């Protein structure tokens, strides 16, 4: 579970490294792999874990991404899981770019 910024950065780095390995081995698009790995992450799937991630980590870029697409949440659960996805995706792409 991602409970702080350090955990977020570590999880994002793991995702970036998996995507890099997949791209090297199979020639797949690393950003598509990052998307798939983030989409299936427990902190994106489970509302409780998503809420902790959103509360304890830097969410500025994630909120900006949701604003850019004019996202309107249907419920609290919908909002925190989408925000957690945006936060983790942003950090994983950042970590991938730093590799």
PDB file of N, CA and C in Angstrom:
ATOM      1  N   UNK A   1       0.843  -1.178   0.000  1.00  0.00           N
ATOM      2  CA  UNK A   1       0.000   0.000   0.000  1.00  0.00           C
ATOM      3  C   UNK A   1       0.891   1.245   0.000  1.00  0.00           C
ATOM      4  N   UNK A   2       0.486   2.239  -0.729  1.00  0.00           N
ATOM      5  CA  UNK A   2       1.225   3.493  -0.817  1.00  0.00           C
ATOM      6  C   UNK A   2       0.714   4.422   0.280  1.00  0.00           C
ATOM      7  N   UNK A   3       1.599   4.703   1.255  1.00  0.00           N
ATOM      8  CA  UNK A   3       1.193   5.484   2.418  1.00  0.00           C
ATOM      9  C   UNK A   3       1.868   6.847   2.500  1.00  0.00           C
ATOM     10  N   UNK A   4       2.819   7.121   1.615  1.00  0.00           N
ATOM     11  CA  UNK A   4       3.519   8.412   1.639  1.00  0.00           C
ATOM     12  C   UNK A   4       4.211   8.628   0.296  1.00  0.00           C
ATOM     13  N   UNK A   5       4.842   9.777   0.160  1.00  0.00           N
ATOM     14  CA  UNK A   5       5.479  10.142  -1.107  1.00  0.00           C
ATOM     15  C   UNK A   5       6.611   9.175  -1.473  1.00  0.00           C
ATOM     16  N   UNK A   6       7.360   8.744  -0.475  1.00  0.00           N
ATOM     17  CA  UNK A   6       8.449   7.795  -0.736  1.00  0.00           C
ATOM     18  C   UNK A   6       7.896   6.488  -1.304  1.00  0.00           C
ATOM     19  N   UNK A   7       6.814   5.981  -0.714  1.00  0.00           N
ATOM     20  CA  UNK A   7       6.186   4.753  -1.226  1.00  0.00           C
ATOM     21  C   UNK A   7       5.693   4.953  -2.653  1.00  0.00           C
ATOM     22  N   UNK A   8       5.124   6.129  -2.916  1.00  0.00           N
ATOM     23  CA  UNK A   8       4.644   6.446  -4.271  1.00  0.00           C
ATOM     24  C   UNK A   8       5.795   6.410  -5.273  1.00  0.00           C
ATOM     25  N   UNK A   9       6.879   7.071  -4.933  1.00  0.00           N
ATOM     26  CA  UNK A   9       8.023   7.111  -5.843  1.00  0.00           C
ATOM     27  C   UNK A   9       8.625   5.724  -6.040  1.00  0.00           C
ATOM     28  N   UNK A  10       8.664   4.918  -4.991  1.00  0.00           N
ATOM     29  CA  UNK A  10       9.194   3.549  -5.106  1.00  0.00           C
ATOM     30  C   UNK A  10       8.300   2.681  -5.985  1.00  0.00           C
ATOM     31  N   UNK A  11       6.989   2.757  -5.773  1.00  0.00           N
ATOM     32  CA  UNK A  11       6.047   1.981  -6.585  1.00  0.00           C
ATOM     33  C   UNK A  11       6.106   2.428  -8.045  1.00  0.00           C
ATOM     34  N   UNK A  12       6.201   3.721  -8.263  1.00  0.00           N
ATOM     35  CA  UNK A  12       6.279   4.249  -9.630  1.00  0.00           C
ATOM     36  C   UNK A  12       7.561   3.802 -10.317  1.00  0.00           C
ATOM     37  N   UNK A  13       8.658   3.782  -9.578  1.00  0.00           N
ATOM     38  CA  UNK A  13       9.922   3.311 -10.149  1.00  0.00           C
ATOM     39  C   UNK A  13       9.821   1.832 -10.512  1.00  0.00           C
ATOM     40  N   UNK A  14       9.213   1.031  -9.661  1.00  0.00           N
ATOM     41  CA  UNK A  14       9.012  -0.391  -9.975  1.00  0.00           C
ATOM     42  C   UNK A  14       8.203  -0.558 -11.255  1.00  0.00           C
ATOM     43  N   UNK A  15       7.154   0.232 -11.392  1.00  0.00           N
ATOM     44  CA  UNK A  15       6.318   0.174 -12.595  1.00  0.00           C
ATOM     45  C   UNK A  15       7.133   0.578 -13.820  1.00  0.00           C
ATOM     46  N   UNK A  16       7.905   1.641 -13.693  1.00  0.00           N
ATOM     47  CA  UNK A  16       8.729   2.112 -14.816  1.00  0.00           C
ATOM     48  C   UNK A  16       9.750   1.055 -15.221  1.00  0.00           C
ATOM     49  N   UNK A  17      10.370   0.414 -14.243  1.00  0.00           N
ATOM     50  CA  UNK A  17      11.353  -0.630 -14.557  1.00  0.00           C
ATOM     51  C   UNK A  17      10.701  -1.837 -15.226  1.00  0.00           C
ATOM     52  N   UNK A  18       9.505  -2.209 -14.778  1.00  0.00           N
ATOM     53  CA  UNK A  18       8.782  -3.314 -15.431  1.00  0.00           C
ATOM     54  C   UNK A  18       8.442  -2.957 -16.869  1.00  0.00           C
ATOM     55  N   UNK A  19       8.020  -1.722 -17.089  1.00  0.00           N
ATOM     56  CA  UNK A  19       7.677  -1.285 -18.444  1.00  0.00           C
ATOM     57  C   UNK A  19       8.915  -1.264 -19.338  1.00  0.00           C
ATOM     58  N   UNK A  20      10.033  -0.828 -18.799  1.00  0.00           N
ATOM     59  CA  UNK A  20      11.285  -0.811 -19.562  1.00  0.00           C
ATOM     60  C   UNK A  20      11.707  -2.230 -19.936  1.00  0.00           C
ATOM     61  N   UNK A  21      11.623  -3.148 -18.988  1.00  0.00           N
ATOM     62  CA  UNK A  21      11.986  -4.544 -19.258  1.00  0.00           C
ATOM     63  C   UNK A  21      11.074  -5.144 -20.320  1.00  0.00           C
ATOM     64  N   UNK A  22       9.790  -4.855 -20.228  1.00  0.00           N
ATOM     65  CA  UNK A  22       8.816  -5.355 -21.203  1.00  0.00           C
ATOM     66  C   UNK A  22       9.118  -4.791 -22.598  1.00  0.00           C
ATOM     67  N   UNK A  23       9.452  -3.513 -22.652  1.00  0.00           N
ATOM     68  CA  UNK A  23       9.757  -2.883 -23.941  1.00  0.00           C
ATOM     69  C   UNK A  23      11.011  -3.479 -24.562  1.00  0.00           C
ATOM     70  N   UNK A  24      12.018  -3.717 -23.746  1.00  0.00           N
ATOM     71  CA  UNK A  24      13.258  -4.297 -24.268  1.00  0.00           C
ATOM     72  C   UNK A  24      13.060  -5.735 -24.720  1.00  0.00           C
ATOM     73  N   UNK A  25      12.306  -6.491 -23.943  1.00  0.00           N
ATOM     74  CA  UNK A  25      12.139  -7.911 -24.265  1.00  0.00           C
ATOM     75  C   UNK A  25      11.179  -8.150 -25.422  1.00  0.00           C
ATOM     76  N   UNK A  26      10.077  -7.399 -25.462  1.00  0.00           N
ATOM     77  CA  UNK A  26       9.041  -7.680 -26.464  1.00  0.00           C
ATOM     78  C   UNK A  26       8.824  -6.552 -27.463  1.00  0.00           C
ATOM     79  N   UNK A  27       9.506  -5.434 -27.274  1.00  0.00           N
ATOM     80  CA  UNK A  27       9.339  -4.315 -28.194  1.00  0.00           C
ATOM     81  C   UNK A  27       8.017  -3.589 -28.048  1.00  0.00           C
ATOM     82  N   UNK A  28       7.379  -3.734 -26.904  1.00  0.00           N
ATOM     83  CA  UNK A  28       6.086  -3.096 -26.696  1.00  0.00           C
ATOM     84  C   UNK A  28       6.260  -1.627 -26.308  1.00  0.00           C
ATOM     85  N   UNK A  29       5.180  -0.893 -26.386  1.00  0.00           N
ATOM     86  CA  UNK A  29       5.176   0.518 -26.016  1.00  0.00           C
ATOM     87  C   UNK A  29       5.254   0.629 -24.494  1.00  0.00           C
ATOM     88  N   UNK A  30       6.311   1.229 -23.956  1.00  0.00           N
ATOM     89  CA  UNK A  30       6.459   1.297 -22.502  1.00  0.00           C
ATOM     90  C   UNK A  30       5.367   2.112 -21.822  1.00  0.00           C
ATOM     91  N   UNK A  31       4.863   3.140 -22.484  1.00  0.00           N
ATOM     92  CA  UNK A  31       3.813   3.955 -21.864  1.00  0.00           C
ATOM     93  C   UNK A  31       2.483   3.206 -21.795  1.00  0.00           C
ATOM     94  N   UNK A  32       2.233   2.352 -22.760  1.00  0.00           N
ATOM     95  CA  UNK A  32       1.039   1.499 -22.699  1.00  0.00           C
ATOM     96  C   UNK A  32       1.169   0.515 -21.537  1.00  0.00           C
ATOM     97  N   UNK A  33       2.361  -0.015 -21.356  1.00  0.00           N
ATOM     98  CA  UNK A  33       2.599  -0.939 -20.245  1.00  0.00           C
ATOM     99  C   UNK A  33       2.452  -0.219 -18.907  1.00  0.00           C
ATOM    100  N   UNK A  34       2.971   0.990 -18.818  1.00  0.00           N
ATOM    101  CA  UNK A  34       2.804   1.777 -17.592  1.00  0.00           C
ATOM    102  C   UNK A  34       1.325   1.976 -17.303  1.00  0.00           C
ATOM    103  N   UNK A  35       0.569   2.340 -18.330  1.00  0.00           N
ATOM    104  CA  UNK A  35      -0.883   2.518 -18.166  1.00  0.00           C
ATOM    105  C   UNK A  35      -1.531   1.250 -17.615  1.00  0.00           C
ATOM    106  N   UNK A  36      -1.203   0.109 -18.190  1.00  0.00           N
ATOM    107  CA  UNK A  36      -1.802  -1.153 -17.753  1.00  0.00           C
ATOM    108  C   UNK A  36      -1.414  -1.497 -16.321  1.00  0.00           C
ATOM    109  N   UNK A  37      -0.155  -1.296 -15.974  1.00  0.00           N
ATOM    110  CA  UNK A  37       0.304  -1.612 -14.621  1.00  0.00           C
ATOM    111  C   UNK A  37      -0.321  -0.678 -13.588  1.00  0.00           C
ATOM    112  N   UNK A  38      -0.432   0.590 -13.924  1.00  0.00           N
ATOM    113  CA  UNK A  38      -1.061   1.540 -13.008  1.00  0.00           C
ATOM    114  C   UNK A  38      -2.547   1.218 -12.857  1.00  0.00           C
ATOM    115  N   UNK A  39      -3.202   0.920 -13.964  1.00  0.00           N
ATOM    116  CA  UNK A  39      -4.631   0.622 -13.947  1.00  0.00           C
ATOM    117  C   UNK A  39      -4.964  -0.592 -13.077  1.00  0.00           C
ATOM    118  N   UNK A  40      -4.037  -1.528 -12.965  1.00  0.00           N
ATOM    119  CA  UNK A  40      -4.270  -2.722 -12.161  1.00  0.00           C
ATOM    120  C   UNK A  40      -3.690  -2.648 -10.760  1.00  0.00           C
ATOM    121  N   UNK A  41      -3.103  -1.520 -10.393  1.00  0.00           N
ATOM    122  CA  UNK A  41      -2.461  -1.390  -9.076  1.00  0.00           C
ATOM    123  C   UNK A  41      -3.517  -1.349  -7.972  1.00  0.00           C
ATOM    124  N   UNK A  42      -3.205  -1.967  -6.846  1.00  0.00           N
ATOM    125  CA  UNK A  42      -4.155  -2.046  -5.730  1.00  0.00           C
ATOM    126  C   UNK A  42      -4.587  -0.672  -5.221  1.00  0.00           C
ATOM    127  N   UNK A  43      -3.724   0.313  -5.302  1.00  0.00           N
ATOM    128  CA  UNK A  43      -4.071   1.651  -4.823  1.00  0.00           C
ATOM    129  C   UNK A  43      -4.971   2.401  -5.799  1.00  0.00           C
ATOM    130  N   UNK A  44      -5.196   1.853  -6.949  1.00  0.00           N
ATOM    131  CA  UNK A  44      -6.132   2.434  -7.904  1.00  0.00           C
ATOM    132  C   UNK A  44      -7.459   1.669  -7.860  1.00  0.00           C
ATOM    133  N   UNK A  45      -7.392   0.402  -7.552  1.00  0.00           N
ATOM    134  CA  UNK A  45      -8.582  -0.445  -7.544  1.00  0.00           C
ATOM    135  C   UNK A  45      -9.400  -0.295  -6.263  1.00  0.00           C
ATOM    136  N   UNK A  46      -8.738  -0.254  -5.126  1.00  0.00           N
ATOM    137  CA  UNK A  46      -9.425  -0.242  -3.832  1.00  0.00           C
ATOM    138  C   UNK A  46      -9.568   1.174  -3.303  1.00  0.00           C
ATOM    139  N   UNK A  47     -10.795   1.578  -3.030  1.00  0.00           N
ATOM    140  CA  UNK A  47     -11.096   2.939  -2.616  1.00  0.00           C
ATOM    141  C   UNK A  47     -10.328   3.354  -1.369  1.00  0.00           C
ATOM    142  N   UNK A  48     -10.264   2.498  -0.373  1.00  0.00           N
ATOM    143  CA  UNK A  48      -9.560   2.828   0.870  1.00  0.00           C
ATOM    144  C   UNK A  48      -8.089   3.142   0.600  1.00  0.00           C
ATOM    145  N   UNK A  49      -7.451   2.297  -0.188  1.00  0.00           N
ATOM    146  CA  UNK A  49      -6.033   2.494  -0.507  1.00  0.00           C
ATOM    147  C   UNK A  49      -5.845   3.719  -1.403  1.00  0.00           C
ATOM    148  N   UNK A  50      -6.790   3.951  -2.297  1.00  0.00           N
ATOM    149  CA  UNK A  50      -6.729   5.140  -3.150  1.00  0.00           C
ATOM    150  C   UNK A  50      -6.858   6.408  -2.314  1.00  0.00           C
ATOM    151  N   UNK A  51      -7.749   6.389  -1.327  1.00  0.00           N
ATOM    152  CA  UNK A  51      -7.947   7.563  -0.470  1.00  0.00           C
ATOM    153  C   UNK A  51      -6.682   7.875   0.330  1.00  0.00           C
ATOM    154  N   UNK A  52      -6.014   6.845   0.810  1.00  0.00           N
ATOM    155  CA  UNK A  52      -4.764   7.059   1.549  1.00  0.00           C
ATOM    156  C   UNK A  52      -3.706   7.660   0.631  1.00  0.00           C
ATOM    157  N   UNK A  53      -3.553   7.100  -0.558  1.00  0.00           N
ATOM    158  CA  UNK A  53      -2.594   7.643  -1.520  1.00  0.00           C
ATOM    159  C   UNK A  53      -2.900   9.111  -1.799  1.00  0.00           C
ATOM    160  N   UNK A  54      -4.158   9.433  -2.064  1.00  0.00           N
ATOM    161  CA  UNK A  54      -4.541  10.800  -2.405  1.00  0.00           C
ATOM    162  C   UNK A  54      -4.322  11.756  -1.236  1.00  0.00           C
ATOM    163  N   UNK A  55      -4.525  11.274  -0.044  1.00  0.00           N
ATOM    164  CA  UNK A  55      -4.386  12.126   1.137  1.00  0.00           C
ATOM    165  C   UNK A  55      -2.930  12.362   1.527  1.00  0.00           C
ATOM    166  N   UNK A  56      -2.079  11.363   1.327  1.00  0.00           N
ATOM    167  CA  UNK A  56      -0.714  11.422   1.842  1.00  0.00           C
ATOM    168  C   UNK A  56       0.353  11.791   0.810  1.00  0.00           C
ATOM    169  N   UNK A  57      -0.002  11.832  -0.457  1.00  0.00           N
ATOM    170  CA  UNK A  57       0.992  12.089  -1.502  1.00  0.00           C
ATOM    171  C   UNK A  57       0.685  13.396  -2.233  1.00  0.00           C
ATOM    172  N   UNK A  58       1.678  13.893  -2.936  1.00  0.00           N
ATOM    173  CA  UNK A  58       1.505  15.097  -3.735  1.00  0.00           C
ATOM    174  C   UNK A  58       0.514  14.802  -4.857  1.00  0.00           C
ATOM    175  N   UNK A  59      -0.583  15.525  -4.857  1.00  0.00           N
ATOM    176  CA  UNK A  59      -1.646  15.246  -5.830  1.00  0.00           C
ATOM    177  C   UNK A  59      -1.870  16.380  -6.832  1.00  0.00           C
ATOM    178  N   UNK A  60      -0.995  17.366  -6.808  1.00  0.00           N
ATOM    179  CA  UNK A  60      -1.171  18.535  -7.667  1.00  0.00           C
ATOM    180  C   UNK A  60      -1.273  18.172  -9.148  1.00  0.00           C
ATOM    181  N   UNK A  61      -0.318  17.384  -9.665  1.00  0.00           N
ATOM    182  CA  UNK A  61      -0.345  17.008 -11.086  1.00  0.00           C
ATOM    183  C   UNK A  61      -1.551  16.135 -11.419  1.00  0.00           C
ATOM    184  N   UNK A  62      -1.911  15.254 -10.502  1.00  0.00           N
ATOM    185  CA  UNK A  62      -3.080  14.403 -10.726  1.00  0.00           C
ATOM    186  C   UNK A  62      -4.357  15.217 -10.816  1.00  0.00           C
ATOM    187  N   UNK A  63      -4.494  16.200  -9.932  1.00  0.00           N
ATOM    188  CA  UNK A  63      -5.678  17.064  -9.977  1.00  0.00           C
ATOM    189  C   UNK A  63      -5.713  17.874 -11.267  1.00  0.00           C
ATOM    190  N   UNK A  64      -4.550  18.341 -11.709  1.00  0.00           N
ATOM    191  CA  UNK A  64      -4.484  19.085 -12.973  1.00  0.00           C
ATOM    192  C   UNK A  64      -4.906  18.215 -14.151  1.00  0.00           C
ATOM    193  N   UNK A  65      -4.483  16.945 -14.141  1.00  0.00           N
ATOM    194  CA  UNK A  65      -4.875  16.042 -15.231  1.00  0.00           C
ATOM    195  C   UNK A  65      -6.386  15.855 -15.260  1.00  0.00           C
ATOM    196  N   UNK A  66      -6.996  15.682 -14.098  1.00  0.00           N
ATOM    197  CA  UNK A  66      -8.452  15.510 -14.050  1.00  0.00           C
ATOM    198  C   UNK A  66      -9.161  16.786 -14.494  1.00  0.00           C
ATOM    199  N   UNK A  67      -8.615  17.936 -14.133  1.00  0.00           N
ATOM    200  CA  UNK A  67      -9.200  19.206 -14.572  1.00  0.00           C
ATOM    201  C   UNK A  67      -9.088  19.370 -16.082  1.00  0.00           C
ATOM    202  N   UNK A  68      -7.958  18.961 -16.654  1.00  0.00           N
ATOM    203  CA  UNK A  68      -7.749  19.089 -18.098  1.00  0.00           C
ATOM    204  C   UNK A  68      -8.804  18.337 -18.902  1.00  0.00           C
ATOM    205  N   UNK A  69      -9.208  17.181 -18.404  1.00  0.00           N
ATOM    206  CA  UNK A  69     -10.205  16.385 -19.122  1.00  0.00           C
ATOM    207  C   UNK A  69     -11.620  16.677 -18.621  1.00  0.00           C
ATOM    208  N   UNK A  70     -11.747  17.707 -17.749  1.00  0.00           N
ATOM    209  CA  UNK A  70     -13.035  18.126 -17.208  1.00  0.00           C
ATOM    210  C   UNK A  70     -13.785  16.964 -16.544  1.00  0.00           C
ATOM    211  N   UNK A  71     -13.046  16.201 -15.737  1.00  0.00           N
ATOM    212  CA  UNK A  71     -13.623  15.038 -15.061  1.00  0.00           C
ATOM    213  C   UNK A  71     -14.609  15.477 -13.994  1.00  0.00           C
ATOM    214  N   UNK A  72     -15.792  14.916 -14.017  1.00  0.00           N
ATOM    215  CA  UNK A  72     -16.828  15.162 -13.012  1.00  0.00           C
ATOM    216  C   UNK A  72     -17.125  13.835 -12.321  1.00  0.00           C
ATOM    217  N   UNK A  73     -16.740  13.749 -11.060  1.00  0.00           N
ATOM    218  CA  UNK A  73     -16.920  12.505 -10.311  1.00  0.00           C
ATOM    219  C   UNK A  73     -18.390  12.270  -9.986  1.00  0.00           C
ATOM    220  N   UNK A  74     -18.772  11.011 -10.022  1.00  0.00           N
ATOM    221  CA  UNK A  74     -20.130  10.620  -9.678  1.00  0.00           C
ATOM    222  C   UNK A  74     -20.268  10.360  -8.182  1.00  0.00           C
ATOM    223  N   UNK A  75     -19.120  10.094  -7.541  1.00  0.00           N
ATOM    224  CA  UNK A  75     -19.122   9.790  -6.110  1.00  0.00           C
ATOM    225  C   UNK A  75     -17.716   9.994  -5.568  1.00  0.00           C
ATOM    226  N   UNK A  76     -17.590   9.925  -4.263  1.00  0.00           N
ATOM    227  CA  UNK A  76     -16.280  10.006  -3.625  1.00  0.00           C
ATOM    228  C   UNK A  76     -15.397   8.872  -4.120  1.00  0.00           C
ATOM    229  N   UNK A  77     -15.938   7.666  -4.161  1.00  0.00           N
ATOM    230  CA  UNK A  77     -15.175   6.501  -4.629  1.00  0.00           C
ATOM    231  C   UNK A  77     -14.637   6.728  -6.038  1.00  0.00           C
ATOM    232  N   UNK A  78     -15.488   7.236  -6.894  1.00  0.00           N
ATOM    233  CA  UNK A  78     -15.092   7.508  -8.274  1.00  0.00           C
ATOM    234  C   UNK A  78     -13.957   8.527  -8.311  1.00  0.00           C
ATOM    235  N   UNK A  79     -14.078   9.575  -7.512  1.00  0.00           N
ATOM    236  CA  UNK A  79     -13.057  10.627  -7.518  1.00  0.00           C
ATOM    237  C   UNK A  79     -11.711  10.124  -7.018  1.00  0.00           C
ATOM    238  N   UNK A  80     -11.676   9.463  -5.865  1.00  0.00           N
ATOM    239  CA  UNK A  80     -10.368   9.077  -5.305  1.00  0.00           C
ATOM    240  C   UNK A  80      -9.681   8.007  -6.145  1.00  0.00           C
ATOM    241  N   UNK A  81     -10.429   7.099  -6.738  1.00  0.00           N
ATOM    242  CA  UNK A  81      -9.769   6.084  -7.561  1.00  0.00           C
ATOM    243  C   UNK A  81      -9.215   6.700  -8.848  1.00  0.00           C
ATOM    244  N   UNK A  82      -9.944   7.639  -9.446  1.00  0.00           N
ATOM    245  CA  UNK A  82      -9.439   8.308 -10.656  1.00  0.00           C
ATOM    246  C   UNK A  82      -8.251   9.210 -10.314  1.00  0.00           C
ATOM    247  N   UNK A  83      -8.319   9.896  -9.176  1.00  0.00           N
ATOM    248  CA  UNK A  83      -7.211  10.750  -8.768  1.00  0.00           C
ATOM    249  C   UNK A  83      -5.983   9.906  -8.441  1.00  0.00           C
ATOM    250  N   UNK A  84      -6.169   8.787  -7.758  1.00  0.00           N
ATOM    251  CA  UNK A  84      -5.042   7.895  -7.454  1.00  0.00           C
ATOM    252  C   UNK A  84      -4.407   7.391  -8.745  1.00  0.00           C
ATOM    253  N   UNK A  85      -5.228   7.048  -9.726  1.00  0.00           N
ATOM    254  CA  UNK A  85      -4.718   6.620 -11.031  1.00  0.00           C
ATOM    255  C   UNK A  85      -3.861   7.730 -11.647  1.00  0.00           C
ATOM    256  N   UNK A  86      -4.377   8.954 -11.651  1.00  0.00           N
ATOM    257  CA  UNK A  86      -3.665  10.076 -12.264  1.00  0.00           C
ATOM    258  C   UNK A  86      -2.346  10.358 -11.533  1.00  0.00           C
ATOM    259  N   UNK A  87      -2.359  10.281 -10.211  1.00  0.00           N
ATOM    260  CA  UNK A  87      -1.150  10.525  -9.420  1.00  0.00           C
ATOM    261  C   UNK A  87      -0.089   9.473  -9.726  1.00  0.00           C
ATOM    262  N   UNK A  88      -0.490   8.204  -9.670  1.00  0.00           N
ATOM    263  CA  UNK A  88       0.458   7.114  -9.891  1.00  0.00           C
ATOM    264  C   UNK A  88       0.949   7.099 -11.340  1.00  0.00           C
ATOM    265  N   UNK A  89       0.077   7.346 -12.290  1.00  0.00           N
ATOM    266  CA  UNK A  89       0.474   7.395 -13.698  1.00  0.00           C
ATOM    267  C   UNK A  89       1.488   8.517 -13.932  1.00  0.00           C
ATOM    268  N   UNK A  90       1.209   9.675 -13.384  1.00  0.00           N
ATOM    269  CA  UNK A  90       2.121  10.809 -13.543  1.00  0.00           C
ATOM    270  C   UNK A  90       3.497  10.486 -12.968  1.00  0.00           C
ATOM    271  N   UNK A  91       3.519   9.919 -11.777  1.00  0.00           N
ATOM    272  CA  UNK A  91       4.804   9.609 -11.145  1.00  0.00           C
ATOM    273  C   UNK A  91       5.536   8.493 -11.883  1.00  0.00           C
ATOM    274  N   UNK A  92       4.812   7.485 -12.371  1.00  0.00           N
ATOM    275  CA  UNK A  92       5.445   6.391 -13.106  1.00  0.00           C
ATOM    276  C   UNK A  92       6.045   6.896 -14.422  1.00  0.00           C
ATOM    277  N   UNK A  93       5.344   7.778 -15.108  1.00  0.00           N
ATOM    278  CA  UNK A  93       5.883   8.348 -16.354  1.00  0.00           C
ATOM    279  C   UNK A  93       7.102   9.213 -16.058  1.00  0.00           C
ATOM    280  N   UNK A  94       7.058   9.950 -14.959  1.00  0.00           N
ATOM    281  CA  UNK A  94       8.217  10.756 -14.554  1.00  0.00           C
ATOM    282  C   UNK A  94       9.409   9.864 -14.262  1.00  0.00           C
ATOM    283  N   UNK A  95       9.173   8.783 -13.517  1.00  0.00           N
ATOM    284  CA  UNK A  95      10.264   7.856 -13.185  1.00  0.00           C
ATOM    285  C   UNK A  95      10.819   7.198 -14.453  1.00  0.00           C
ATOM    286  N   UNK A  96       9.935   6.850 -15.388  1.00  0.00           N
ATOM    287  CA  UNK A  96      10.378   6.247 -16.652  1.00  0.00           C
ATOM    288  C   UNK A  96      11.258   7.225 -17.424  1.00  0.00           C
ATOM    289  N   UNK A  97      10.851   8.485 -17.461  1.00  0.00           N
ATOM    290  CA  UNK A  97      11.641   9.485 -18.153  1.00  0.00           C
ATOM    291  C   UNK A  97      13.017   9.715 -17.526  1.00  0.00           C
ATOM    292  N   UNK A  98      13.123   9.440 -16.234  1.00  0.00           N
ATOM    293  CA  UNK A  98      14.395   9.611 -15.528  1.00  0.00           C
ATOM    294  C   UNK A  98      15.338   8.418 -15.676  1.00  0.00           C
ATOM    295  N   UNK A  99      14.835   7.296 -16.220  1.00  0.00           N
ATOM    296  CA  UNK A  99      15.690   6.104 -16.352  1.00  0.00           C
ATOM    297  C   UNK A  99      16.725   6.262 -17.449  1.00  0.00           C
TER     298      UNK A  99
END
